[in-house]
Amino acid sequence: MTTSMTIGIPIVVAIFRLLQPVGGRTIGRLRERVRVLVPFVLALAFVVLATIGYLEVVASLLEFVG
């Protein structure tokens, strides 16, 4: 498994669990929840992608030096 898959799969699973309607949840409540989650998920995805990119740059530099 690649690093991005190792990090990405648990995040996607957590997002789907948060979006699952539980009990008698109305569409309005689900929309509120999504409205709150979307900026958080976008910020989290940005941080994860930036971290993976940074690690790949460091790995290639180490490979070049060593």
PDB file of N, CA and C in Angstrom:
ATOM      1  N   MET A   1       0.835  -1.190   0.000  1.00  0.00           N
ATOM      2  CA  MET A   1       0.000   0.000   0.000  1.00  0.00           C
ATOM      3  C   MET A   1       0.875   1.246   0.000  1.00  0.00           C
ATOM      4  N   THR A   2       0.473   2.215  -0.779  1.00  0.00           N
ATOM      5  CA  THR A   2       1.241   3.450  -0.805  1.00  0.00           C
ATOM      6  C   THR A   2       0.888   4.307   0.400  1.00  0.00           C
ATOM      7  N   THR A   3       1.718   5.303   0.644  1.00  0.00           N
ATOM      8  CA  THR A   3       1.495   6.193   1.785  1.00  0.00           C
ATOM      9  C   THR A   3       0.166   6.921   1.662  1.00  0.00           C
ATOM     10  N   SER A   4      -0.154   7.392   0.456  1.00  0.00           N
ATOM     11  CA  SER A   4      -1.399   8.140   0.282  1.00  0.00           C
ATOM     12  C   SER A   4      -2.619   7.266   0.544  1.00  0.00           C
ATOM     13  N   MET A   5      -2.549   5.986   0.162  1.00  0.00           N
ATOM     14  CA  MET A   5      -3.672   5.084   0.443  1.00  0.00           C
ATOM     15  C   MET A   5      -3.771   4.792   1.937  1.00  0.00           C
ATOM     16  N   THR A   6      -2.621   4.632   2.592  1.00  0.00           N
ATOM     17  CA  THR A   6      -2.614   4.356   4.026  1.00  0.00           C
ATOM     18  C   THR A   6      -3.238   5.505   4.798  1.00  0.00           C
ATOM     19  N   ILE A   7      -3.000   6.725   4.349  1.00  0.00           N
ATOM     20  CA  ILE A   7      -3.563   7.896   5.022  1.00  0.00           C
ATOM     21  C   ILE A   7      -4.992   8.152   4.553  1.00  0.00           C
ATOM     22  N   GLY A   8      -5.244   7.985   3.263  1.00  0.00           N
ATOM     23  CA  GLY A   8      -6.528   8.371   2.683  1.00  0.00           C
ATOM     24  C   GLY A   8      -7.693   7.473   3.029  1.00  0.00           C
ATOM     25  N   ILE A   9      -7.472   6.163   3.091  1.00  0.00           N
ATOM     26  CA  ILE A   9      -8.583   5.235   3.323  1.00  0.00           C
ATOM     27  C   ILE A   9      -9.262   5.468   4.670  1.00  0.00           C
ATOM     28  N   PRO A  10      -8.530   5.589   5.792  1.00  0.00           N
ATOM     29  CA  PRO A  10      -9.223   5.856   7.062  1.00  0.00           C
ATOM     30  C   PRO A  10      -9.978   7.184   7.070  1.00  0.00           C
ATOM     31  N   ILE A  11      -9.453   8.190   6.361  1.00  0.00           N
ATOM     32  CA  ILE A  11     -10.140   9.486   6.296  1.00  0.00           C
ATOM     33  C   ILE A  11     -11.460   9.342   5.553  1.00  0.00           C
ATOM     34  N   VAL A  12     -11.450   8.648   4.425  1.00  0.00           N
ATOM     35  CA  VAL A  12     -12.677   8.450   3.645  1.00  0.00           C
ATOM     36  C   VAL A  12     -13.697   7.651   4.447  1.00  0.00           C
ATOM     37  N   VAL A  13     -13.250   6.614   5.143  1.00  0.00           N
ATOM     38  CA  VAL A  13     -14.159   5.807   5.967  1.00  0.00           C
ATOM     39  C   VAL A  13     -14.776   6.662   7.067  1.00  0.00           C
ATOM     40  N   ALA A  14     -13.976   7.500   7.713  1.00  0.00           N
ATOM     41  CA  ALA A  14     -14.499   8.372   8.775  1.00  0.00           C
ATOM     42  C   ALA A  14     -15.526   9.355   8.222  1.00  0.00           C
ATOM     43  N   ILE A  15     -15.276   9.897   7.035  1.00  0.00           N
ATOM     44  CA  ILE A  15     -16.223  10.837   6.426  1.00  0.00           C
ATOM     45  C   ILE A  15     -17.544  10.141   6.132  1.00  0.00           C
ATOM     46  N   PHE A  16     -17.492   8.932   5.562  1.00  0.00           N
ATOM     47  CA  PHE A  16     -18.727   8.212   5.271  1.00  0.00           C
ATOM     48  C   PHE A  16     -19.489   7.870   6.546  1.00  0.00           C
ATOM     49  N   ARG A  17     -18.788   7.549   7.617  1.00  0.00           N
ATOM     50  CA  ARG A  17     -19.472   7.262   8.885  1.00  0.00           C
ATOM     51  C   ARG A  17     -20.162   8.502   9.425  1.00  0.00           C
ATOM     52  N   LEU A  18     -19.521   9.668   9.267  1.00  0.00           N
ATOM     53  CA  LEU A  18     -20.133  10.905   9.740  1.00  0.00           C
ATOM     54  C   LEU A  18     -21.353  11.281   8.910  1.00  0.00           C
ATOM     55  N   LEU A  19     -21.354  10.927   7.632  1.00  0.00           N
ATOM     56  CA  LEU A  19     -22.460  11.300   6.758  1.00  0.00           C
ATOM     57  C   LEU A  19     -23.627  10.325   6.803  1.00  0.00           C
ATOM     58  N   GLN A  20     -23.441   9.155   7.413  1.00  0.00           N
ATOM     59  CA  GLN A  20     -24.529   8.180   7.472  1.00  0.00           C
ATOM     60  C   GLN A  20     -25.656   8.702   8.356  1.00  0.00           C
ATOM     61  N   PRO A  21     -26.878   8.687   7.852  1.00  0.00           N
ATOM     62  CA  PRO A  21     -27.990   9.083   8.700  1.00  0.00           C
ATOM     63  C   PRO A  21     -28.230   8.035   9.784  1.00  0.00           C
ATOM     64  N   VAL A  22     -28.411   8.508  11.004  1.00  0.00           N
ATOM     65  CA  VAL A  22     -28.632   7.601  12.134  1.00  0.00           C
ATOM     66  C   VAL A  22     -30.029   7.856  12.674  1.00  0.00           C
ATOM     67  N   GLY A  23     -30.801   6.805  12.829  1.00  0.00           N
ATOM     68  CA  GLY A  23     -32.144   6.948  13.384  1.00  0.00           C
ATOM     69  C   GLY A  23     -33.038   7.758  12.469  1.00  0.00           C
ATOM     70  N   GLY A  24     -33.743   8.738  13.037  1.00  0.00           N
ATOM     71  CA  GLY A  24     -34.689   9.542  12.271  1.00  0.00           C
ATOM     72  C   GLY A  24     -34.119  10.869  11.835  1.00  0.00           C
ATOM     73  N   ARG A  25     -32.891  10.883  11.436  1.00  0.00           N
ATOM     74  CA  ARG A  25     -32.249  12.138  11.041  1.00  0.00           C
ATOM     75  C   ARG A  25     -32.931  12.701   9.789  1.00  0.00           C
ATOM     76  N   THR A  26     -33.267  13.970   9.845  1.00  0.00           N
ATOM     77  CA  THR A  26     -33.928  14.591   8.694  1.00  0.00           C
ATOM     78  C   THR A  26     -32.884  15.068   7.688  1.00  0.00           C
ATOM     79  N   ILE A  27     -33.346  15.353   6.486  1.00  0.00           N
ATOM     80  CA  ILE A  27     -32.453  15.862   5.440  1.00  0.00           C
ATOM     81  C   ILE A  27     -31.857  17.205   5.868  1.00  0.00           C
ATOM     82  N   GLY A  28     -32.641  18.019   6.551  1.00  0.00           N
ATOM     83  CA  GLY A  28     -32.145  19.322   7.012  1.00  0.00           C
ATOM     84  C   GLY A  28     -30.972  19.178   7.957  1.00  0.00           C
ATOM     85  N   ARG A  29     -31.080  18.256   8.884  1.00  0.00           N
ATOM     86  CA  ARG A  29     -29.975  18.036   9.827  1.00  0.00           C
ATOM     87  C   ARG A  29     -28.755  17.486   9.106  1.00  0.00           C
ATOM     88  N   LEU A  30     -28.995  16.611   8.140  1.00  0.00           N
ATOM     89  CA  LEU A  30     -27.888  16.051   7.372  1.00  0.00           C
ATOM     90  C   LEU A  30     -27.195  17.147   6.561  1.00  0.00           C
ATOM     91  N   ARG A  31     -27.987  18.061   6.003  1.00  0.00           N
ATOM     92  CA  ARG A  31     -27.402  19.182   5.252  1.00  0.00           C
ATOM     93  C   ARG A  31     -26.559  20.066   6.160  1.00  0.00           C
ATOM     94  N   GLU A  32     -27.039  20.326   7.381  1.00  0.00           N
ATOM     95  CA  GLU A  32     -26.258  21.120   8.336  1.00  0.00           C
ATOM     96  C   GLU A  32     -24.933  20.441   8.633  1.00  0.00           C
ATOM     97  N   ARG A  33     -24.994  19.152   8.830  1.00  0.00           N
ATOM     98  CA  ARG A  33     -23.785  18.386   9.137  1.00  0.00           C
ATOM     99  C   ARG A  33     -22.794  18.443   7.975  1.00  0.00           C
ATOM    100  N   VAL A  34     -23.300  18.297   6.751  1.00  0.00           N
ATOM    101  CA  VAL A  34     -22.440  18.359   5.568  1.00  0.00           C
ATOM    102  C   VAL A  34     -21.848  19.752   5.424  1.00  0.00           C
ATOM    103  N   ARG A  35     -22.647  20.779   5.684  1.00  0.00           N
ATOM    104  CA  ARG A  35     -22.176  22.155   5.570  1.00  0.00           C
ATOM    105  C   ARG A  35     -21.016  22.420   6.528  1.00  0.00           C
ATOM    106  N   VAL A  36     -21.047  21.810   7.688  1.00  0.00           N
ATOM    107  CA  VAL A  36     -19.964  21.955   8.655  1.00  0.00           C
ATOM    108  C   VAL A  36     -18.763  21.103   8.247  1.00  0.00           C
ATOM    109  N   LEU A  37     -19.015  19.916   7.711  1.00  0.00           N
ATOM    110  CA  LEU A  37     -17.931  18.982   7.401  1.00  0.00           C
ATOM    111  C   LEU A  37     -17.125  19.357   6.164  1.00  0.00           C
ATOM    112  N   VAL A  38     -17.755  19.968   5.177  1.00  0.00           N
ATOM    113  CA  VAL A  38     -17.068  20.217   3.904  1.00  0.00           C
ATOM    114  C   VAL A  38     -15.806  21.065   4.076  1.00  0.00           C
ATOM    115  N   PRO A  39     -15.848  22.218   4.756  1.00  0.00           N
ATOM    116  CA  PRO A  39     -14.600  22.983   4.923  1.00  0.00           C
ATOM    117  C   PRO A  39     -13.544  22.211   5.718  1.00  0.00           C
ATOM    118  N   PHE A  40     -13.986  21.474   6.727  1.00  0.00           N
ATOM    119  CA  PHE A  40     -13.056  20.679   7.527  1.00  0.00           C
ATOM    120  C   PHE A  40     -12.382  19.617   6.671  1.00  0.00           C
ATOM    121  N   VAL A  41     -13.155  18.929   5.859  1.00  0.00           N
ATOM    122  CA  VAL A  41     -12.616  17.864   5.005  1.00  0.00           C
ATOM    123  C   VAL A  41     -11.669  18.451   3.959  1.00  0.00           C
ATOM    124  N   LEU A  42     -12.023  19.597   3.383  1.00  0.00           N
ATOM    125  CA  LEU A  42     -11.144  20.225   2.398  1.00  0.00           C
ATOM    126  C   LEU A  42      -9.818  20.643   3.024  1.00  0.00           C
ATOM    127  N   ALA A  43      -9.880  21.224   4.217  1.00  0.00           N
ATOM    128  CA  ALA A  43      -8.644  21.617   4.901  1.00  0.00           C
ATOM    129  C   ALA A  43      -7.806  20.395   5.250  1.00  0.00           C
ATOM    130  N   LEU A  44      -8.459  19.350   5.720  1.00  0.00           N
ATOM    131  CA  LEU A  44      -7.751  18.121   6.069  1.00  0.00           C
ATOM    132  C   LEU A  44      -7.105  17.494   4.836  1.00  0.00           C
ATOM    133  N   ALA A  45      -7.825  17.485   3.724  1.00  0.00           N
ATOM    134  CA  ALA A  45      -7.275  16.927   2.484  1.00  0.00           C
ATOM    135  C   ALA A  45      -6.065  17.734   2.019  1.00  0.00           C
ATOM    136  N   PHE A  46      -6.144  19.054   2.147  1.00  0.00           N
ATOM    137  CA  PHE A  46      -5.016  19.905   1.765  1.00  0.00           C
ATOM    138  C   PHE A  46      -3.788  19.600   2.615  1.00  0.00           C
ATOM    139  N   VAL A  47      -3.988  19.472   3.918  1.00  0.00           N
ATOM    140  CA  VAL A  47      -2.872  19.172   4.821  1.00  0.00           C
ATOM    141  C   VAL A  47      -2.272  17.805   4.499  1.00  0.00           C
ATOM    142  N   VAL A  48      -3.127  16.821   4.264  1.00  0.00           N
ATOM    143  CA  VAL A  48      -2.642  15.468   3.954  1.00  0.00           C
ATOM    144  C   VAL A  48      -1.852  15.467   2.648  1.00  0.00           C
ATOM    145  N   LEU A  49      -2.386  16.113   1.618  1.00  0.00           N
ATOM    146  CA  LEU A  49      -1.682  16.154   0.331  1.00  0.00           C
ATOM    147  C   LEU A  49      -0.367  16.920   0.432  1.00  0.00           C
ATOM    148  N   ALA A  50      -0.363  18.015   1.191  1.00  0.00           N
ATOM    149  CA  ALA A  50       0.875  18.774   1.371  1.00  0.00           C
ATOM    150  C   ALA A  50       1.913  17.942   2.113  1.00  0.00           C
ATOM    151  N   THR A  51       1.472  17.204   3.124  1.00  0.00           N
ATOM    152  CA  THR A  51       2.394  16.355   3.881  1.00  0.00           C
ATOM    153  C   THR A  51       2.967  15.253   3.001  1.00  0.00           C
ATOM    154  N   ILE A  52       2.113  14.615   2.216  1.00  0.00           N
ATOM    155  CA  ILE A  52       2.580  13.550   1.322  1.00  0.00           C
ATOM    156  C   ILE A  52       3.567  14.119   0.298  1.00  0.00           C
ATOM    157  N   GLY A  53       3.259  15.280  -0.257  1.00  0.00           N
ATOM    158  CA  GLY A  53       4.170  15.913  -1.211  1.00  0.00           C
ATOM    159  C   GLY A  53       5.505  16.240  -0.575  1.00  0.00           C
ATOM    160  N   TYR A  54       5.465  16.767   0.641  1.00  0.00           N
ATOM    161  CA  TYR A  54       6.696  17.089   1.361  1.00  0.00           C
ATOM    162  C   TYR A  54       7.524  15.834   1.605  1.00  0.00           C
ATOM    163  N   LEU A  55       6.868  14.762   2.039  1.00  0.00           N
ATOM    164  CA  LEU A  55       7.585  13.511   2.302  1.00  0.00           C
ATOM    165  C   LEU A  55       8.191  12.934   1.023  1.00  0.00           C
ATOM    166  N   GLU A  56       7.491  13.069  -0.083  1.00  0.00           N
ATOM    167  CA  GLU A  56       8.031  12.575  -1.351  1.00  0.00           C
ATOM    168  C   GLU A  56       9.235  13.397  -1.798  1.00  0.00           C
ATOM    169  N   VAL A  57       9.189  14.706  -1.584  1.00  0.00           N
ATOM    170  CA  VAL A  57      10.334  15.559  -1.927  1.00  0.00           C
ATOM    171  C   VAL A  57      11.532  15.192  -1.060  1.00  0.00           C
ATOM    172  N   VAL A  58      11.303  15.022   0.238  1.00  0.00           N
ATOM    173  CA  VAL A  58      12.389  14.648   1.147  1.00  0.00           C
ATOM    174  C   VAL A  58      12.968  13.294   0.750  1.00  0.00           C
ATOM    175  N   ALA A  59      12.103  12.342   0.417  1.00  0.00           N
ATOM    176  CA  ALA A  59      12.579  11.013   0.022  1.00  0.00           C
ATOM    177  C   ALA A  59      13.417  11.084  -1.251  1.00  0.00           C
ATOM    178  N   SER A  60      12.984  11.881  -2.218  1.00  0.00           N
ATOM    179  CA  SER A  60      13.762  11.981  -3.457  1.00  0.00           C
ATOM    180  C   SER A  60      15.088  12.693  -3.216  1.00  0.00           C
ATOM    181  N   LEU A  61      15.097  13.692  -2.325  1.00  0.00           N
ATOM    182  CA  LEU A  61      16.357  14.362  -1.998  1.00  0.00           C
ATOM    183  C   LEU A  61      17.315  13.412  -1.294  1.00  0.00           C
ATOM    184  N   LEU A  62      16.795  12.625  -0.369  1.00  0.00           N
ATOM    185  CA  LEU A  62      17.639  11.651   0.324  1.00  0.00           C
ATOM    186  C   LEU A  62      18.181  10.608  -0.649  1.00  0.00           C
ATOM    187  N   GLU A  63      17.351  10.223  -1.591  1.00  0.00           N
ATOM    188  CA  GLU A  63      17.786   9.256  -2.600  1.00  0.00           C
ATOM    189  C   GLU A  63      18.878   9.860  -3.486  1.00  0.00           C
ATOM    190  N   PHE A  64      18.729  11.144  -3.808  1.00  0.00           N
ATOM    191  CA  PHE A  64      19.712  11.837  -4.638  1.00  0.00           C
ATOM    192  C   PHE A  64      21.037  11.997  -3.893  1.00  0.00           C
ATOM    193  N   VAL A  65      20.966  12.371  -2.607  1.00  0.00           N
ATOM    194  CA  VAL A  65      22.168  12.595  -1.803  1.00  0.00           C
ATOM    195  C   VAL A  65      22.838  11.274  -1.453  1.00  0.00           C
ATOM    196  N   GLY A  66      22.034  10.312  -1.023  1.00  0.00           N
ATOM    197  CA  GLY A  66      22.594   9.039  -0.550  1.00  0.00           C
ATOM    198  C   GLY A  66      22.783   8.115  -1.662  1.00  0.00           C
TER     199      GLY A  66
END
